[in-house]
Amino acid sequence: MSLIEQVQTNLVHYNLWTNVRQRTPEILTGFPPAKLIQDDPESLEEWVIPKLMADKNMPLTEIESWFKSITNISHRPKRITVGLVNDDSTVVYYFIHDGMVKPRKN
């Protein structure tokens, strides 16, 4: 199973996302079952980049290229989600925001 298929399967079957599809060879989109952050609008399409956890380097130029790739498809998102896949097939998700983000109150 490819890296992108692993993350897509995890999003659909474990995290219960809907309409998960591959937009480019390295980018997925989909809709989570609930807002990921309280300030998000309802039904926000999320952008997910699958990446191996063993790839410890994530240079800013690579991150910027993801935002530019998404901008070629749609509007530039305020954040993207990186799905890090470990050797044992577990997937962990992290947000990468486009610029500075005000800390939220708990």
Protein backbone atom coordinates (compact mmCIF):
# COMPACT_ATOMS: atom_id res chain seq x y z
CA MET A 1 0.00 0.00 0.00
CA SER A 2 1.39 3.41 -0.92
CA LEU A 3 1.93 6.20 1.59
CA ILE A 4 -0.98 8.26 0.28
CA GLU A 5 -3.26 5.17 0.37
CA GLN A 6 -2.28 4.50 4.00
CA VAL A 7 -3.24 8.01 5.09
CA GLN A 8 -6.41 7.97 3.00
CA THR A 9 -7.48 4.63 4.55
CA ASN A 10 -6.75 5.97 8.04
CA LEU A 11 -8.78 9.13 7.43
CA VAL A 12 -11.78 7.21 6.06
CA HIS A 13 -11.93 4.13 8.29
CA TYR A 14 -10.41 5.30 11.58
CA ASN A 15 -11.10 9.03 11.67
CA LEU A 16 -14.40 8.79 9.74
CA TRP A 17 -13.69 11.56 7.23
CA THR A 18 -15.92 11.82 4.17
CA ASN A 19 -15.20 12.60 0.53
CA VAL A 20 -11.48 11.88 0.95
CA ARG A 21 -9.78 12.05 -2.42
CA GLN A 22 -6.37 12.43 -3.92
CA ARG A 23 -5.96 15.88 -5.49
CA THR A 24 -2.32 15.59 -6.61
CA PRO A 25 0.26 12.81 -6.26
CA GLU A 26 1.05 14.11 -2.76
CA ILE A 27 -2.10 15.89 -1.53
CA LEU A 28 -5.41 14.59 -0.14
CA THR A 29 -8.54 16.53 0.70
CA GLY A 30 -11.54 15.57 2.78
CA PHE A 31 -14.08 16.57 5.37
CA PRO A 32 -13.67 15.55 9.03
CA PRO A 33 -16.78 14.49 10.96
CA ALA A 34 -16.45 17.52 13.27
CA LYS A 35 -14.54 20.79 13.35
CA LEU A 36 -10.83 20.26 14.00
CA ILE A 37 -10.50 23.65 15.69
CA GLN A 38 -13.34 25.47 17.45
CA ASP A 39 -12.97 28.58 15.25
CA ASP A 40 -13.32 26.62 11.99
CA PRO A 41 -16.43 27.14 9.89
CA GLU A 42 -18.76 24.16 9.46
CA SER A 43 -17.85 21.73 6.65
CA LEU A 44 -14.33 23.02 6.06
CA GLU A 45 -12.44 21.01 3.45
CA GLU A 46 -9.10 19.99 4.93
CA TRP A 47 -5.84 19.54 3.00
CA VAL A 48 -3.63 16.61 4.08
CA ILE A 49 -0.03 15.89 3.10
CA PRO A 50 1.12 12.30 3.76
CA LYS A 51 4.74 12.01 4.90
CA LEU A 52 6.91 9.26 6.37
CA MET A 53 7.93 9.84 9.97
CA ALA A 54 11.41 8.60 9.03
CA ASP A 55 11.76 11.75 6.85
CA LYS A 56 12.82 13.91 9.77
CA ASN A 57 13.62 16.95 7.66
CA MET A 58 10.78 19.20 6.57
CA PRO A 59 12.39 22.34 5.13
CA LEU A 60 10.39 25.54 4.84
CA THR A 61 10.82 25.42 1.06
CA GLU A 62 8.99 22.07 0.99
CA ILE A 63 6.19 23.39 3.19
CA GLU A 64 5.84 26.48 1.00
CA SER A 65 5.67 24.25 -2.10
CA TRP A 66 2.67 22.44 -0.55
CA PHE A 67 0.85 25.73 -0.03
CA LYS A 68 1.67 26.79 -3.61
CA SER A 69 0.45 23.45 -5.01
CA ILE A 70 -2.84 23.87 -3.16
CA THR A 71 -3.13 27.46 -4.39
CA ASN A 72 -2.92 26.13 -7.97
CA ILE A 73 -5.97 23.94 -7.26
CA SER A 74 -8.01 26.17 -4.94
CA HIS A 75 -7.59 29.14 -2.60
CA ARG A 76 -4.59 29.23 -0.27
CA PRO A 77 -5.67 27.54 2.98
CA LYS A 78 -4.97 28.95 6.43
CA ARG A 79 -3.46 25.59 7.39
CA ILE A 80 -2.63 22.17 6.09
CA THR A 81 -2.40 18.91 7.97
CA VAL A 82 0.59 16.62 7.72
CA GLY A 83 -0.18 12.92 8.20
CA LEU A 84 3.03 11.33 9.52
CA VAL A 85 3.13 7.57 8.96
CA ASN A 86 5.34 5.52 11.28
CA ASP A 87 7.04 2.20 10.46
CA ASP A 88 4.26 0.33 12.31
CA SER A 89 1.62 2.05 10.11
CA THR A 90 0.31 4.36 12.82
CA VAL A 91 -0.59 7.83 11.56
CA VAL A 92 -0.21 11.04 13.57
CA TYR A 93 -1.57 14.37 12.32
CA TYR A 94 -0.06 17.83 12.82
CA PHE A 95 -1.28 21.25 11.68
CA ILE A 96 1.02 23.58 9.77
CA HIS A 97 -0.40 27.10 9.72
CA ASP A 98 0.27 29.67 7.02
CA GLY A 99 1.90 32.38 9.13
CA MET A 100 1.43 33.30 12.76
CA VAL A 101 -1.60 32.07 14.68
CA LYS A 102 -2.97 33.65 17.83
CA PRO A 103 -2.91 31.20 20.75
CA ARG A 104 -6.35 29.89 21.61
CA LYS A 105 -7.92 29.83 25.06
CA ASN A 106 -8.81 26.44 26.49
